[in-house]
PDB file of all heavy atoms in Angstrom:
ATOM      1  N   PRO A   1      23.275   2.189   9.285  1.00  0.00           N
ATOM      2  CA  PRO A   1      22.965   3.600   9.006  1.00  0.00           C
ATOM      3  C   PRO A   1      22.863   4.427  10.280  1.00  0.00           C
ATOM      4  O   PRO A   1      22.506   3.923  11.342  1.00  0.00           O
ATOM      5  CB  PRO A   1      21.614   3.518   8.284  1.00  0.00           C
ATOM      6  CG  PRO A   1      21.012   2.246   8.768  1.00  0.00           C
ATOM      7  CD  PRO A   1      22.158   1.296   8.954  1.00  0.00           C
ATOM      8  N   SER A   2      23.179   5.688  10.163  1.00  0.00           N
ATOM      9  CA  SER A   2      22.949   6.616  11.262  1.00  0.00           C
ATOM     10  C   SER A   2      21.447   6.851  11.413  1.00  0.00           C
ATOM     11  O   SER A   2      20.693   6.740  10.449  1.00  0.00           O
ATOM     12  CB  SER A   2      23.654   7.946  10.972  1.00  0.00           C
ATOM     13  OG  SER A   2      25.036   7.759  10.771  1.00  0.00           O
ATOM     14  N   ASN A   3      21.020   7.166  12.621  1.00  0.00           N
ATOM     15  CA  ASN A   3      19.629   7.550  12.871  1.00  0.00           C
ATOM     16  C   ASN A   3      18.643   6.514  12.334  1.00  0.00           C
ATOM     17  O   ASN A   3      17.707   6.831  11.594  1.00  0.00           O
ATOM     18  CB  ASN A   3      19.334   8.915  12.235  1.00  0.00           C
ATOM     19  CG  ASN A   3      20.331   9.976  12.646  1.00  0.00           C
ATOM     20  OD1 ASN A   3      20.631  10.106  13.824  1.00  0.00           O
ATOM     21  ND2 ASN A   3      20.851  10.718  11.679  1.00  0.00           N
ATOM     22  N   ALA A   4      18.872   5.245  12.716  1.00  0.00           N
ATOM     23  CA  ALA A   4      18.080   4.143  12.151  1.00  0.00           C
ATOM     24  C   ALA A   4      16.585   4.283  12.438  1.00  0.00           C
ATOM     25  O   ALA A   4      15.747   4.029  11.567  1.00  0.00           O
ATOM     26  CB  ALA A   4      18.595   2.810  12.694  1.00  0.00           C
ATOM     27  N   LYS A   5      16.213   4.704  13.655  1.00  0.00           N
ATOM     28  CA  LYS A   5      14.797   4.842  13.976  1.00  0.00           C
ATOM     29  C   LYS A   5      14.158   5.957  13.157  1.00  0.00           C
ATOM     30  O   LYS A   5      13.019   5.849  12.708  1.00  0.00           O
ATOM     31  CB  LYS A   5      14.628   5.095  15.468  1.00  0.00           C
ATOM     32  CG  LYS A   5      14.935   3.886  16.349  1.00  0.00           C
ATOM     33  CD  LYS A   5      14.642   4.179  17.813  1.00  0.00           C
ATOM     34  CE  LYS A   5      14.917   2.944  18.676  1.00  0.00           C
ATOM     35  NZ  LYS A   5      14.649   3.215  20.116  1.00  0.00           N
ATOM     36  N   GLU A   6      14.894   7.025  12.961  1.00  0.00           N
ATOM     37  CA  GLU A   6      14.389   8.128  12.148  1.00  0.00           C
ATOM     38  C   GLU A   6      14.181   7.676  10.713  1.00  0.00           C
ATOM     39  O   GLU A   6      13.206   8.068  10.058  1.00  0.00           O
ATOM     40  CB  GLU A   6      15.369   9.299  12.193  1.00  0.00           C
ATOM     41  CG  GLU A   6      14.945  10.491  11.355  1.00  0.00           C
ATOM     42  CD  GLU A   6      16.012  11.565  11.267  1.00  0.00           C
ATOM     43  OE1 GLU A   6      16.572  11.904  12.328  1.00  0.00           O
ATOM     44  OE2 GLU A   6      16.284  12.051  10.146  1.00  0.00           O
ATOM     45  N   LEU A   7      15.093   6.828  10.210  1.00  0.00           N
ATOM     46  CA  LEU A   7      14.955   6.307   8.854  1.00  0.00           C
ATOM     47  C   LEU A   7      13.674   5.498   8.717  1.00  0.00           C
ATOM     48  O   LEU A   7      12.933   5.648   7.737  1.00  0.00           O
ATOM     49  CB  LEU A   7      16.175   5.459   8.499  1.00  0.00           C
ATOM     50  CG  LEU A   7      16.107   4.698   7.170  1.00  0.00           C
ATOM     51  CD1 LEU A   7      15.897   5.645   5.998  1.00  0.00           C
ATOM     52  CD2 LEU A   7      17.390   3.873   6.976  1.00  0.00           C
ATOM     53  N   ASP A   8      13.390   4.624   9.686  1.00  0.00           N
ATOM     54  CA  ASP A   8      12.164   3.822   9.634  1.00  0.00           C
ATOM     55  C   ASP A   8      10.928   4.706   9.593  1.00  0.00           C
ATOM     56  O   ASP A   8       9.984   4.461   8.838  1.00  0.00           O
ATOM     57  CB  ASP A   8      12.096   2.899  10.855  1.00  0.00           C
ATOM     58  CG  ASP A   8      13.113   1.774  10.796  1.00  0.00           C
ATOM     59  OD1 ASP A   8      13.629   1.498   9.693  1.00  0.00           O
ATOM     60  OD2 ASP A   8      13.391   1.171  11.842  1.00  0.00           O
ATOM     61  N   ALA A   9      10.926   5.757  10.404  1.00  0.00           N
ATOM     62  CA  ALA A   9       9.774   6.662  10.448  1.00  0.00           C
ATOM     63  C   ALA A   9       9.636   7.426   9.136  1.00  0.00           C
ATOM     64  O   ALA A   9       8.514   7.617   8.640  1.00  0.00           O
ATOM     65  CB  ALA A   9       9.931   7.639  11.610  1.00  0.00           C
ATOM     66  N   PHE A  10      10.762   7.823   8.555  1.00  0.00           N
ATOM     67  CA  PHE A  10      10.714   8.562   7.294  1.00  0.00           C
ATOM     68  C   PHE A  10      10.153   7.681   6.178  1.00  0.00           C
ATOM     69  O   PHE A  10       9.301   8.129   5.397  1.00  0.00           O
ATOM     70  CB  PHE A  10      12.108   9.061   6.917  1.00  0.00           C
ATOM     71  CG  PHE A  10      12.146   9.791   5.605  1.00  0.00           C
ATOM     72  CD1 PHE A  10      11.765  11.122   5.518  1.00  0.00           C
ATOM     73  CD2 PHE A  10      12.534   9.130   4.445  1.00  0.00           C
ATOM     74  CE1 PHE A  10      11.772  11.790   4.297  1.00  0.00           C
ATOM     75  CE2 PHE A  10      12.550   9.787   3.224  1.00  0.00           C
ATOM     76  CZ  PHE A  10      12.165  11.116   3.156  1.00  0.00           C
ATOM     77  N   VAL A  11      10.625   6.442   6.095  1.00  0.00           N
ATOM     78  CA  VAL A  11      10.146   5.529   5.052  1.00  0.00           C
ATOM     79  C   VAL A  11       8.641   5.322   5.185  1.00  0.00           C
ATOM     80  O   VAL A  11       7.903   5.307   4.177  1.00  0.00           O
ATOM     81  CB  VAL A  11      10.893   4.185   5.131  1.00  0.00           C
ATOM     82  CG1 VAL A  11      10.211   3.137   4.251  1.00  0.00           C
ATOM     83  CG2 VAL A  11      12.340   4.359   4.710  1.00  0.00           C
ATOM     84  N   LYS A  12       8.144   5.190   6.400  1.00  0.00           N
ATOM     85  CA  LYS A  12       6.710   4.985   6.611  1.00  0.00           C
ATOM     86  C   LYS A  12       5.910   6.168   6.090  1.00  0.00           C
ATOM     87  O   LYS A  12       4.885   5.997   5.425  1.00  0.00           O
ATOM     88  CB  LYS A  12       6.445   4.769   8.105  1.00  0.00           C
ATOM     89  CG  LYS A  12       4.995   4.491   8.437  1.00  0.00           C
ATOM     90  CD  LYS A  12       4.813   4.216   9.925  1.00  0.00           C
ATOM     91  CE  LYS A  12       3.356   3.945  10.266  1.00  0.00           C
ATOM     92  NZ  LYS A  12       3.178   3.661  11.711  1.00  0.00           N
ATOM     93  N   GLN A  13       6.380   7.375   6.360  1.00  0.00           N
ATOM     94  CA  GLN A  13       5.645   8.564   5.935  1.00  0.00           C
ATOM     95  C   GLN A  13       5.718   8.783   4.425  1.00  0.00           C
ATOM     96  O   GLN A  13       4.697   9.090   3.786  1.00  0.00           O
ATOM     97  CB  GLN A  13       6.208   9.794   6.656  1.00  0.00           C
ATOM     98  CG  GLN A  13       5.981   9.790   8.155  1.00  0.00           C
ATOM     99  CD  GLN A  13       6.681  10.948   8.849  1.00  0.00           C
ATOM    100  OE1 GLN A  13       7.085  11.900   8.195  1.00  0.00           O
ATOM    101  NE2 GLN A  13       6.828  10.855  10.157  1.00  0.00           N
ATOM    102  N   VAL A  14       6.900   8.611   3.860  1.00  0.00           N
ATOM    103  CA  VAL A  14       7.087   8.937   2.453  1.00  0.00           C
ATOM    104  C   VAL A  14       6.415   7.920   1.532  1.00  0.00           C
ATOM    105  O   VAL A  14       6.175   8.208   0.353  1.00  0.00           O
ATOM    106  CB  VAL A  14       8.601   9.060   2.153  1.00  0.00           C
ATOM    107  CG1 VAL A  14       9.248   7.700   1.964  1.00  0.00           C
ATOM    108  CG2 VAL A  14       8.854   9.953   0.958  1.00  0.00           C
ATOM    109  N   SER A  15       6.080   6.729   2.089  1.00  0.00           N
ATOM    110  CA  SER A  15       5.487   5.664   1.276  1.00  0.00           C
ATOM    111  C   SER A  15       3.976   5.533   1.455  1.00  0.00           C
ATOM    112  O   SER A  15       3.341   4.753   0.751  1.00  0.00           O
ATOM    113  CB  SER A  15       6.144   4.315   1.619  1.00  0.00           C
ATOM    114  OG  SER A  15       7.551   4.373   1.487  1.00  0.00           O
ATOM    115  N   ASP A  16       3.403   6.283   2.376  1.00  0.00           N
ATOM    116  CA  ASP A  16       1.975   6.189   2.684  1.00  0.00           C
ATOM    117  C   ASP A  16       1.207   7.231   1.877  1.00  0.00           C
ATOM    118  O   ASP A  16       1.372   8.439   2.092  1.00  0.00           O
ATOM    119  CB  ASP A  16       1.754   6.410   4.176  1.00  0.00           C
ATOM    120  CG  ASP A  16       0.290   6.240   4.586  1.00  0.00           C
ATOM    121  OD1 ASP A  16      -0.573   6.089   3.692  1.00  0.00           O
ATOM    122  OD2 ASP A  16       0.020   6.274   5.799  1.00  0.00           O
ATOM    123  N   PRO A  17       0.356   6.805   0.945  1.00  0.00           N
ATOM    124  CA  PRO A  17      -0.392   7.776   0.120  1.00  0.00           C
ATOM    125  C   PRO A  17      -1.242   8.750   0.933  1.00  0.00           C
ATOM    126  O   PRO A  17      -1.610   9.817   0.427  1.00  0.00           O
ATOM    127  CB  PRO A  17      -1.268   6.889  -0.771  1.00  0.00           C
ATOM    128  CG  PRO A  17      -0.553   5.583  -0.817  1.00  0.00           C
ATOM    129  CD  PRO A  17       0.087   5.420   0.527  1.00  0.00           C
ATOM    130  N   ARG A  18      -1.548   8.406   2.174  1.00  0.00           N
ATOM    131  CA  ARG A  18      -2.380   9.285   3.002  1.00  0.00           C
ATOM    132  C   ARG A  18      -1.547  10.258   3.846  1.00  0.00           C
ATOM    133  O   ARG A  18      -2.100  11.095   4.565  1.00  0.00           O
ATOM    134  CB  ARG A  18      -3.269   8.435   3.919  1.00  0.00           C
ATOM    135  CG  ARG A  18      -4.213   7.528   3.142  1.00  0.00           C
ATOM    136  CD  ARG A  18      -5.020   6.635   4.073  1.00  0.00           C
ATOM    137  NE  ARG A  18      -5.844   5.694   3.313  1.00  0.00           N
ATOM    138  CZ  ARG A  18      -6.582   4.730   3.864  1.00  0.00           C
ATOM    139  NH1 ARG A  18      -6.605   4.592   5.182  1.00  0.00           N
ATOM    140  NH2 ARG A  18      -7.276   3.894   3.105  1.00  0.00           N
ATOM    141  N   SER A  19      -0.238  10.133   3.771  1.00  0.00           N
ATOM    142  CA  SER A  19       0.638  11.010   4.550  1.00  0.00           C
ATOM    143  C   SER A  19       0.915  12.298   3.783  1.00  0.00           C
ATOM    144  O   SER A  19       1.083  12.278   2.559  1.00  0.00           O
ATOM    145  CB  SER A  19       1.961  10.304   4.848  1.00  0.00           C
ATOM    146  OG  SER A  19       2.935  11.212   5.325  1.00  0.00           O
ATOM    147  N   PRO A  20       1.004  13.432   4.475  1.00  0.00           N
ATOM    148  CA  PRO A  20       1.358  14.686   3.788  1.00  0.00           C
ATOM    149  C   PRO A  20       2.766  14.664   3.213  1.00  0.00           C
ATOM    150  O   PRO A  20       3.094  15.493   2.359  1.00  0.00           O
ATOM    151  CB  PRO A  20       1.208  15.743   4.891  1.00  0.00           C
ATOM    152  CG  PRO A  20       1.318  14.985   6.175  1.00  0.00           C
ATOM    153  CD  PRO A  20       0.714  13.646   5.913  1.00  0.00           C
ATOM    154  N   ASN A  21       3.574  13.721   3.664  1.00  0.00           N
ATOM    155  CA  ASN A  21       4.945  13.611   3.156  1.00  0.00           C
ATOM    156  C   ASN A  21       5.083  12.574   2.049  1.00  0.00           C
ATOM    157  O   ASN A  21       6.192  12.276   1.614  1.00  0.00           O
ATOM    158  CB  ASN A  21       5.908  13.262   4.302  1.00  0.00           C
ATOM    159  CG  ASN A  21       6.051  14.403   5.288  1.00  0.00           C
ATOM    160  OD1 ASN A  21       6.124  15.557   4.901  1.00  0.00           O
ATOM    161  ND2 ASN A  21       6.075  14.071   6.574  1.00  0.00           N
ATOM    162  N   TYR A  22       3.943  12.005   1.605  1.00  0.00           N
ATOM    163  CA  TYR A  22       3.998  10.983   0.542  1.00  0.00           C
ATOM    164  C   TYR A  22       4.673  11.532  -0.709  1.00  0.00           C
ATOM    165  O   TYR A  22       4.351  12.626  -1.188  1.00  0.00           O
ATOM    166  CB  TYR A  22       2.593  10.522   0.193  1.00  0.00           C
ATOM    167  CG  TYR A  22       2.536   9.518  -0.943  1.00  0.00           C
ATOM    168  CD1 TYR A  22       3.166   8.285  -0.830  1.00  0.00           C
ATOM    169  CD2 TYR A  22       1.859   9.818  -2.121  1.00  0.00           C
ATOM    170  CE1 TYR A  22       3.118   7.365  -1.876  1.00  0.00           C
ATOM    171  CE2 TYR A  22       1.793   8.894  -3.170  1.00  0.00           C
ATOM    172  CZ  TYR A  22       2.437   7.673  -3.039  1.00  0.00           C
ATOM    173  OH  TYR A  22       2.397   6.769  -4.071  1.00  0.00           O
ATOM    174  N   GLY A  23       5.605  10.764  -1.218  1.00  0.00           N
ATOM    175  CA  GLY A  23       6.263  11.125  -2.468  1.00  0.00           C
ATOM    176  C   GLY A  23       7.389  12.127  -2.335  1.00  0.00           C
ATOM    177  O   GLY A  23       8.025  12.469  -3.334  1.00  0.00           O
ATOM    178  N   LYS A  24       7.656  12.610  -1.122  1.00  0.00           N
ATOM    179  CA  LYS A  24       8.739  13.576  -0.937  1.00  0.00           C
ATOM    180  C   LYS A  24      10.046  12.809  -0.690  1.00  0.00           C
ATOM    181  O   LYS A  24      10.627  12.838   0.387  1.00  0.00           O
ATOM    182  CB  LYS A  24       8.415  14.523   0.219  1.00  0.00           C
ATOM    183  CG  LYS A  24       7.185  15.384  -0.061  1.00  0.00           C
ATOM    184  CD  LYS A  24       6.859  16.303   1.117  1.00  0.00           C
ATOM    185  CE  LYS A  24       5.618  17.141   0.811  1.00  0.00           C
ATOM    186  NZ  LYS A  24       5.256  18.033   1.942  1.00  0.00           N
ATOM    187  N   TYR A  25      10.466  12.111  -1.742  1.00  0.00           N
ATOM    188  CA  TYR A  25      11.589  11.189  -1.635  1.00  0.00           C
ATOM    189  C   TYR A  25      12.928  11.917  -1.530  1.00  0.00           C
ATOM    190  O   TYR A  25      13.079  13.055  -1.974  1.00  0.00           O
ATOM    191  CB  TYR A  25      11.614  10.265  -2.857  1.00  0.00           C
ATOM    192  CG  TYR A  25      10.312   9.545  -3.128  1.00  0.00           C
ATOM    193  CD1 TYR A  25       9.673   9.659  -4.364  1.00  0.00           C
ATOM    194  CD2 TYR A  25       9.722   8.758  -2.151  1.00  0.00           C
ATOM    195  CE1 TYR A  25       8.483   8.983  -4.622  1.00  0.00           C
ATOM    196  CE2 TYR A  25       8.528   8.085  -2.402  1.00  0.00           C
ATOM    197  CZ  TYR A  25       7.916   8.201  -3.633  1.00  0.00           C
ATOM    198  OH  TYR A  25       6.732   7.548  -3.883  1.00  0.00           O
ATOM    199  N   LEU A  26      13.896  11.200  -0.979  1.00  0.00           N
ATOM    200  CA  LEU A  26      15.256  11.721  -0.888  1.00  0.00           C
ATOM    201  C   LEU A  26      16.042  11.366  -2.143  1.00  0.00           C
ATOM    202  O   LEU A  26      15.779  10.346  -2.786  1.00  0.00           O
ATOM    203  CB  LEU A  26      15.977  11.109   0.324  1.00  0.00           C
ATOM    204  CG  LEU A  26      15.397  11.362   1.706  1.00  0.00           C
ATOM    205  CD1 LEU A  26      16.239  10.644   2.754  1.00  0.00           C
ATOM    206  CD2 LEU A  26      15.318  12.849   2.000  1.00  0.00           C
TER     207      LEU A  26
END
């Protein structure tokens, strides 16, 4: 995948119930 490090960071945020980005799936 392109931007592999960015993908890892996005998955961490979107999957963490305490993150403001939780549930904002692609």
